[in-house]
């Protein structure tokens, strides 16, 4: 009976190893965000994960961590920069400290009301320039996701633009938002979000601005008598990847991921709209006075607020901000 020598065994093993097909490379990305599992962002991140896994034959796996499980948004942003986290989907309002140029999204009525026009703006030169502005910040921004619009509420009447004069509104700490209210003759007071309910209840401020689903979730309508559906402030999410992880992906997988995030936007928008409609019904049933601003009134709001807020943005961001605003203006004018 013949025996295989150790040397021959090694040769045979090496031959078999070379002959075997190479194992597929697997890429695992942890993606952190702040919303709950019932909210639009998480639900559609799960859908993106399914599409990506299917279209890469399981080579790319997205593991989704909601509700700040991986830290607050600042910590997740830093994790993406450092490479301890592969990706995050972050509200633009939480990114100004990392990339001041993204604060252009604080300018009221920046994003058109019409969904097709808004999509064209995001997908065109302006949207791409905004995404590109993250490239020197240790992040790869691959898309913008719409996440609703802000509305005005107050304990004082909001029957017209003139009614804003003299009222005090809570804002995030943003010179752009402060100028937005200054333009209406109102005062803007920067307060932490966690203090807002009590501040409305005790009269530290008269009003605030937030999306309807936030107004419902935080029960601000319990301490507010008036609400105007103005849709004045765009709430946009930015999809951010760590550069080393992104560059490690084959080009075709990068395309699959970008396409998947873009593909679910209509469904994401519809889901968000349903949540907003349900929130509006809750606010109406509470007895809060609800008024829907018509197209003419919204145009007046834009005429009054847009220029001062834009000036504050350029004062904050300099030539780079002016260049991005010019790109926006050209793209916006082309929509008309």
Protein backbone atom coordinates (compact mmCIF):
# COMPACT_ATOMS: atom_id res chain seq x y z
CA UNK A 1 0.00 0.00 0.00
CA UNK A 2 1.45 3.33 -1.05
CA UNK A 3 1.76 6.21 1.32
CA UNK A 4 1.79 9.93 0.55
CA UNK A 5 4.86 11.61 1.95
CA UNK A 6 4.44 14.82 3.98
CA UNK A 7 6.11 16.77 1.16
CA UNK A 8 3.70 15.35 -1.42
CA UNK A 9 0.75 16.09 0.88
CA UNK A 10 1.82 19.71 1.05
CA UNK A 11 2.11 19.92 -2.73
CA UNK A 12 -1.34 18.36 -3.20
CA UNK A 13 -2.89 20.72 -0.64
CA UNK A 14 -1.36 23.74 -2.32
CA UNK A 15 -2.61 22.56 -5.71
CA UNK A 16 -6.14 22.08 -4.42
CA UNK A 17 -6.07 25.49 -2.78
CA UNK A 18 -5.00 27.14 -6.03
CA UNK A 19 -7.59 25.27 -8.02
CA UNK A 20 -10.48 26.17 -5.68
CA UNK A 21 -12.44 29.30 -6.59
CA UNK A 22 -11.56 32.32 -4.48
CA UNK A 23 -14.02 33.02 -1.68
CA UNK A 24 -16.16 36.10 -2.26
CA UNK A 25 -15.00 39.15 -0.34
CA UNK A 26 -17.49 40.16 2.32
CA UNK A 27 -18.04 43.76 3.40
CA UNK A 28 -19.90 44.49 6.63
CA UNK A 29 -21.00 48.02 7.43
CA UNK A 30 -22.48 49.15 10.72
CA UNK A 31 -24.85 52.08 10.08
CA UNK A 32 -25.98 54.16 13.05
CA UNK A 33 -28.80 56.68 13.29
CA UNK A 34 -31.04 58.38 15.87
CA UNK A 35 -34.63 57.50 14.93
CA UNK A 36 -36.75 54.69 16.36
CA UNK A 37 -37.49 51.45 14.54
CA UNK A 38 -41.00 52.71 13.69
CA UNK A 39 -39.82 55.86 11.91
CA UNK A 40 -39.27 56.40 8.21
CA UNK A 41 -35.47 56.57 8.29
CA UNK A 42 -35.02 53.19 9.98
CA UNK A 43 -37.69 51.37 7.98
CA UNK A 44 -36.13 52.44 4.69
CA UNK A 45 -32.58 51.80 5.84
CA UNK A 46 -33.71 48.22 6.38
CA UNK A 47 -35.09 48.18 2.84
CA UNK A 48 -31.78 49.49 1.48
CA UNK A 49 -29.94 46.76 3.41
CA UNK A 50 -32.18 44.12 1.80
CA UNK A 51 -31.63 45.51 -1.71
CA UNK A 52 -27.87 45.75 -1.28
CA UNK A 53 -27.57 42.22 0.11
CA UNK A 54 -29.68 40.85 -2.72
CA UNK A 55 -27.84 42.70 -5.48
CA UNK A 56 -24.37 41.82 -4.21
CA UNK A 57 -25.27 38.16 -3.57
CA UNK A 58 -24.71 38.73 0.13
CA UNK A 59 -21.21 40.16 -0.27
CA UNK A 60 -22.25 43.48 1.33
CA UNK A 61 -24.07 43.40 4.66
CA UNK A 62 -25.55 46.47 6.32
CA UNK A 63 -26.15 46.19 10.06
CA UNK A 64 -28.55 48.95 11.15
CA UNK A 65 -28.35 50.40 14.67
CA UNK A 66 -31.25 52.78 15.48
CA UNK A 67 -32.07 55.08 18.42
CA UNK A 68 -28.51 56.22 19.10
CA UNK A 69 -27.33 52.73 20.07
CA UNK A 70 -23.87 53.66 18.76
CA UNK A 71 -23.80 57.10 20.40
CA UNK A 72 -25.27 60.53 19.84
CA UNK A 73 -25.02 62.04 16.37
CA UNK A 74 -21.77 63.84 17.10
CA UNK A 75 -20.20 60.60 18.30
CA UNK A 76 -21.43 58.76 15.22
CA UNK A 77 -20.08 61.51 12.94
CA UNK A 78 -16.69 61.23 14.63
CA UNK A 79 -16.86 57.44 14.36
CA UNK A 80 -17.33 57.70 10.60
CA UNK A 81 -14.36 60.06 10.37
CA UNK A 82 -12.14 57.80 12.49
CA UNK A 83 -13.25 54.55 10.88
CA UNK A 84 -14.75 52.99 14.02
CA UNK A 85 -18.15 53.24 12.29
CA UNK A 86 -18.68 52.55 8.60
CA UNK A 87 -21.68 54.83 8.03
CA UNK A 88 -24.38 57.04 9.52
CA UNK A 89 -27.52 58.68 8.21
CA UNK A 90 -27.45 62.09 9.87
CA UNK A 91 -29.85 65.05 9.92
CA UNK A 92 -28.15 67.95 8.19
CA UNK A 93 -28.95 70.10 11.22
CA UNK A 94 -26.48 67.98 13.24
CA UNK A 95 -23.65 68.38 10.72
CA UNK A 96 -22.96 72.12 10.66
CA UNK A 97 -20.17 71.75 13.21
CA UNK A 98 -18.40 69.25 10.94
CA UNK A 99 -19.17 70.96 7.65
CA UNK A 100 -20.49 74.54 7.84
CA UNK A 101 -21.47 74.46 4.15
CA UNK A 102 -24.29 72.00 4.85
CA UNK A 103 -26.01 74.72 6.88
CA UNK A 104 -27.32 76.04 3.57
CA UNK A 105 -30.20 73.64 4.24
CA UNK A 106 -31.24 75.86 7.20
CA UNK A 107 -32.26 78.58 4.73
CA UNK A 108 -36.10 78.69 4.64
CA UNK A 109 -37.83 77.51 1.48
CA UNK A 110 -34.57 76.30 -0.03
CA UNK A 111 -36.11 73.02 -1.25
CA UNK A 112 -39.08 73.36 -3.66
CA UNK A 113 -42.53 72.20 -2.60
CA UNK A 114 -42.96 70.07 -5.72
CA UNK A 115 -41.50 66.61 -5.14
CA UNK A 116 -40.17 66.22 -8.70
CA UNK A 117 -38.50 69.65 -8.60
CA UNK A 118 -37.01 68.84 -5.19
CA UNK A 119 -35.63 65.55 -6.53
CA UNK A 120 -34.14 67.33 -9.53
CA UNK A 121 -32.43 69.83 -7.23
CA UNK A 122 -30.99 67.07 -5.03
CA UNK A 123 -29.81 65.03 -8.02
CA UNK A 124 -28.38 67.95 -9.97
CA UNK A 125 -25.31 70.20 -9.66
CA UNK A 126 -26.40 71.73 -6.36
CA UNK A 127 -26.97 68.39 -4.63
CA UNK A 128 -23.68 67.03 -5.95
CA UNK A 129 -21.76 70.13 -4.86
CA UNK A 130 -23.25 69.80 -1.38
CA UNK A 131 -22.25 66.14 -1.18
CA UNK A 132 -18.78 66.94 -2.49
CA UNK A 133 -18.30 69.50 0.30
CA UNK A 134 -17.84 66.58 2.75
CA UNK A 135 -14.87 65.14 0.84
CA UNK A 136 -12.27 67.08 2.84
CA UNK A 137 -14.03 66.41 6.14
CA UNK A 138 -13.11 62.74 6.40
CA UNK A 139 -16.49 61.58 5.09
CA UNK A 140 -17.96 60.36 1.81
CA UNK A 141 -21.49 61.74 1.32
CA UNK A 142 -23.38 59.66 -1.23
CA UNK A 143 -26.93 61.04 -1.16
CA UNK A 144 -29.53 63.26 0.48
CA UNK A 145 -32.71 61.79 1.93
CA UNK A 146 -35.79 64.00 2.48
CA UNK A 147 -37.10 63.76 6.03
CA UNK A 148 -39.99 66.21 6.19
CA UNK A 149 -40.54 69.94 6.61
CA UNK A 150 -40.77 72.25 9.62
CA UNK A 151 -43.89 74.11 10.77
CA UNK A 152 -44.51 77.06 13.10
CA UNK A 153 -46.36 76.81 16.43
CA UNK A 154 -47.03 79.42 19.11
CA UNK A 155 -49.16 80.32 22.13
CA UNK A 156 -49.97 83.57 20.33
CA UNK A 157 -52.02 83.90 17.12
CA UNK A 158 -50.25 83.24 13.80
CA UNK A 159 -52.97 84.46 11.46
CA UNK A 160 -50.57 86.41 9.23
CA UNK A 161 -46.89 87.24 8.76
CA UNK A 162 -47.46 90.40 10.80
CA UNK A 163 -48.48 88.33 13.84
CA UNK A 164 -44.92 87.01 14.20
CA UNK A 165 -43.65 90.46 15.22
CA UNK A 166 -42.71 90.64 18.88
CA UNK A 167 -43.05 86.91 19.54
CA UNK A 168 -40.21 84.79 20.95
CA UNK A 169 -39.33 81.54 19.15
CA UNK A 170 -36.97 78.78 20.18
CA UNK A 171 -34.35 77.84 17.58
CA UNK A 172 -31.32 75.61 17.36
CA UNK A 173 -28.10 77.56 17.78
CA UNK A 174 -27.93 78.77 14.17
CA UNK A 175 -27.31 82.33 12.96
CA UNK A 176 -29.29 81.46 9.84
CA UNK A 177 -32.40 80.49 11.81
CA UNK A 178 -32.00 83.53 14.05
CA UNK A 179 -32.04 85.77 10.96
CA UNK A 180 -35.07 83.88 9.66
CA UNK A 181 -37.08 85.02 12.68
CA UNK A 182 -35.50 88.48 12.81
CA UNK A 183 -36.80 89.01 9.27
CA UNK A 184 -40.32 88.36 10.59
CA UNK A 185 -39.86 90.83 13.44
CA UNK A 186 -39.71 88.01 15.98
CA UNK A 187 -37.01 87.19 18.52
CA UNK A 188 -35.09 83.92 18.26
CA UNK A 189 -33.76 82.26 21.40
CA UNK A 190 -31.38 79.30 21.18
CA UNK A 191 -32.42 76.65 23.70
CA UNK A 192 -31.56 72.95 24.11
CA UNK A 193 -34.24 70.69 22.66
CA UNK A 194 -34.75 68.97 26.01
CA UNK A 195 -35.82 72.27 27.59
CA UNK A 196 -38.33 73.19 24.90
CA UNK A 197 -41.55 71.70 26.33
CA UNK A 198 -41.07 73.41 29.70
CA UNK A 199 -40.02 76.66 28.03
CA UNK A 200 -43.23 76.70 26.00
CA UNK A 201 -45.27 75.79 29.05
CA UNK A 202 -43.81 78.55 31.23
CA UNK A 203 -43.65 81.25 28.55
CA UNK A 204 -39.87 81.50 28.27
CA UNK A 205 -40.64 81.36 24.56
CA UNK A 206 -43.96 81.77 22.75
CA UNK A 207 -43.34 79.31 19.94
CA UNK A 208 -41.06 76.95 18.05
CA UNK A 209 -40.49 75.25 14.69
CA UNK A 210 -40.38 71.51 14.11
CA UNK A 211 -41.78 68.83 11.81
CA UNK A 212 -45.32 67.73 12.61
CA UNK A 213 -44.32 64.23 13.67
CA UNK A 214 -41.85 65.73 16.16
CA UNK A 215 -44.51 68.13 17.43
CA UNK A 216 -46.75 65.11 18.00
CA UNK A 217 -44.07 62.84 19.51
CA UNK A 218 -42.85 65.52 21.96
CA UNK A 219 -46.43 66.65 22.71
CA UNK A 220 -45.60 70.29 22.02
CA UNK A 221 -49.20 70.75 20.88
CA UNK A 222 -50.24 70.33 24.54
CA UNK A 223 -48.56 73.66 25.34
CA UNK A 224 -49.21 75.50 22.06
CA UNK A 225 -52.45 77.13 20.95
CA UNK A 226 -51.68 77.78 17.28
CA UNK A 227 -50.01 75.89 14.45
CA UNK A 228 -49.33 77.04 10.88
CA UNK A 229 -48.48 74.39 8.30
CA UNK A 230 -45.91 76.45 6.44
CA UNK A 231 -43.46 73.77 5.21
CA UNK A 232 -40.77 76.43 5.48
CA UNK A 233 -37.76 74.40 6.60
CA UNK A 234 -36.43 71.32 4.84
CA UNK A 235 -35.32 68.43 7.04
CA UNK A 236 -32.73 66.59 4.97
CA UNK A 237 -30.64 63.57 5.94
CA UNK A 238 -27.10 63.11 4.64
CA UNK A 239 -25.85 59.55 4.02
CA UNK A 240 -22.22 59.41 5.12
CA UNK A 241 -19.63 56.64 4.76
CA UNK A 242 -16.13 56.26 6.11
CA UNK A 243 -13.71 56.89 3.18
CA UNK A 244 -11.53 53.81 3.82
CA UNK A 245 -14.54 51.51 3.90
CA UNK A 246 -16.09 53.15 0.83
CA UNK A 247 -12.85 52.96 -1.16
CA UNK A 248 -12.46 49.28 -0.23
CA UNK A 249 -15.68 48.45 -2.09
CA UNK A 250 -15.54 47.38 -5.73
CA UNK A 251 -16.92 50.05 -8.04
CA UNK A 252 -19.96 47.99 -8.95
CA UNK A 253 -20.87 47.63 -5.27
CA UNK A 254 -20.58 51.37 -4.75
CA UNK A 255 -23.04 51.81 -7.61
CA UNK A 256 -25.42 49.23 -6.14
CA UNK A 257 -25.40 51.07 -2.80
CA UNK A 258 -25.97 54.50 -4.33
CA UNK A 259 -28.78 53.18 -6.51
CA UNK A 260 -30.48 51.47 -3.55
CA UNK A 261 -30.49 54.63 -1.44
CA UNK A 262 -31.92 56.62 -4.38
CA UNK A 263 -34.48 53.96 -5.29
CA UNK A 264 -36.32 54.00 -1.97
CA UNK A 265 -36.76 57.80 -1.81
CA UNK A 266 -40.32 57.84 -3.26
CA UNK A 267 -41.42 55.19 -0.77
CA UNK A 268 -39.58 56.98 2.04
CA UNK A 269 -41.32 60.24 1.15
CA UNK A 270 -44.75 58.58 1.05
CA UNK A 271 -44.17 56.91 4.43
CA UNK A 272 -43.10 60.23 5.95
CA UNK A 273 -46.13 62.01 4.47
CA UNK A 274 -48.46 59.45 6.06
CA UNK A 275 -46.80 59.95 9.45
CA UNK A 276 -47.13 63.73 9.07
CA UNK A 277 -50.81 63.44 8.14
CA UNK A 278 -51.48 61.28 11.20
CA UNK A 279 -49.64 63.78 13.40
CA UNK A 280 -51.68 66.65 11.96
CA UNK A 281 -54.91 64.85 12.86
CA UNK A 282 -53.68 64.36 16.43
CA UNK A 283 -52.86 68.06 16.74
CA UNK A 284 -56.26 69.07 15.33
CA UNK A 285 -58.09 66.73 17.71
CA UNK A 286 -56.25 68.27 20.65
CA UNK A 287 -58.01 71.58 20.07
CA UNK A 288 -54.95 73.44 18.78
CA UNK A 289 -55.87 76.03 16.16
CA UNK A 290 -54.44 74.66 12.90
CA UNK A 291 -54.09 76.72 9.74
CA UNK A 292 -52.65 75.64 6.38
CA UNK A 293 -50.63 78.41 4.72
CA UNK A 294 -51.57 78.64 1.04
CA UNK A 295 -49.17 79.02 -1.87
CA UNK A 296 -49.42 82.82 -1.86
CA UNK A 297 -48.62 83.08 1.86
CA UNK A 298 -45.69 80.70 1.53
CA UNK A 299 -44.32 82.84 -1.30
CA UNK A 300 -44.55 85.87 1.02
CA UNK A 301 -42.72 83.99 3.76
CA UNK A 302 -39.96 83.14 1.29
CA UNK A 303 -39.71 86.72 0.03
CA UNK A 304 -39.24 88.02 3.57
CA UNK A 305 -36.95 85.33 5.04
CA UNK A 306 -34.83 83.90 2.24
CA UNK A 307 -32.44 86.81 1.59
CA UNK A 308 -31.57 87.61 5.26
CA UNK A 309 -31.04 83.92 6.03
CA UNK A 310 -28.87 83.55 2.92
CA UNK A 311 -26.78 86.55 3.96
CA UNK A 312 -26.22 85.00 7.39
CA UNK A 313 -25.14 81.77 5.70
CA UNK A 314 -22.58 83.53 3.50
CA UNK A 315 -21.30 85.55 6.49
CA UNK A 316 -20.68 82.24 8.25
CA UNK A 317 -19.15 80.30 5.34
CA UNK A 318 -17.39 82.93 3.19
CA UNK A 319 -16.46 82.42 -0.45
CA UNK A 320 -17.14 78.68 -0.37
CA UNK A 321 -20.64 79.32 0.94
CA UNK A 322 -21.27 81.98 -1.70
CA UNK A 323 -20.14 79.59 -4.43
CA UNK A 324 -22.52 76.88 -3.19
CA UNK A 325 -25.35 79.41 -2.92
CA UNK A 326 -24.64 80.53 -6.50
CA UNK A 327 -24.78 76.90 -7.65
CA UNK A 328 -28.10 76.54 -5.85
CA UNK A 329 -29.52 79.73 -7.38
CA UNK A 330 -28.63 78.63 -10.91
CA UNK A 331 -30.14 75.18 -10.33
CA UNK A 332 -33.28 76.60 -8.68
CA UNK A 333 -33.83 79.14 -11.46
CA UNK A 334 -33.47 76.37 -14.06
CA UNK A 335 -36.45 74.58 -12.47
CA UNK A 336 -38.83 77.41 -13.35
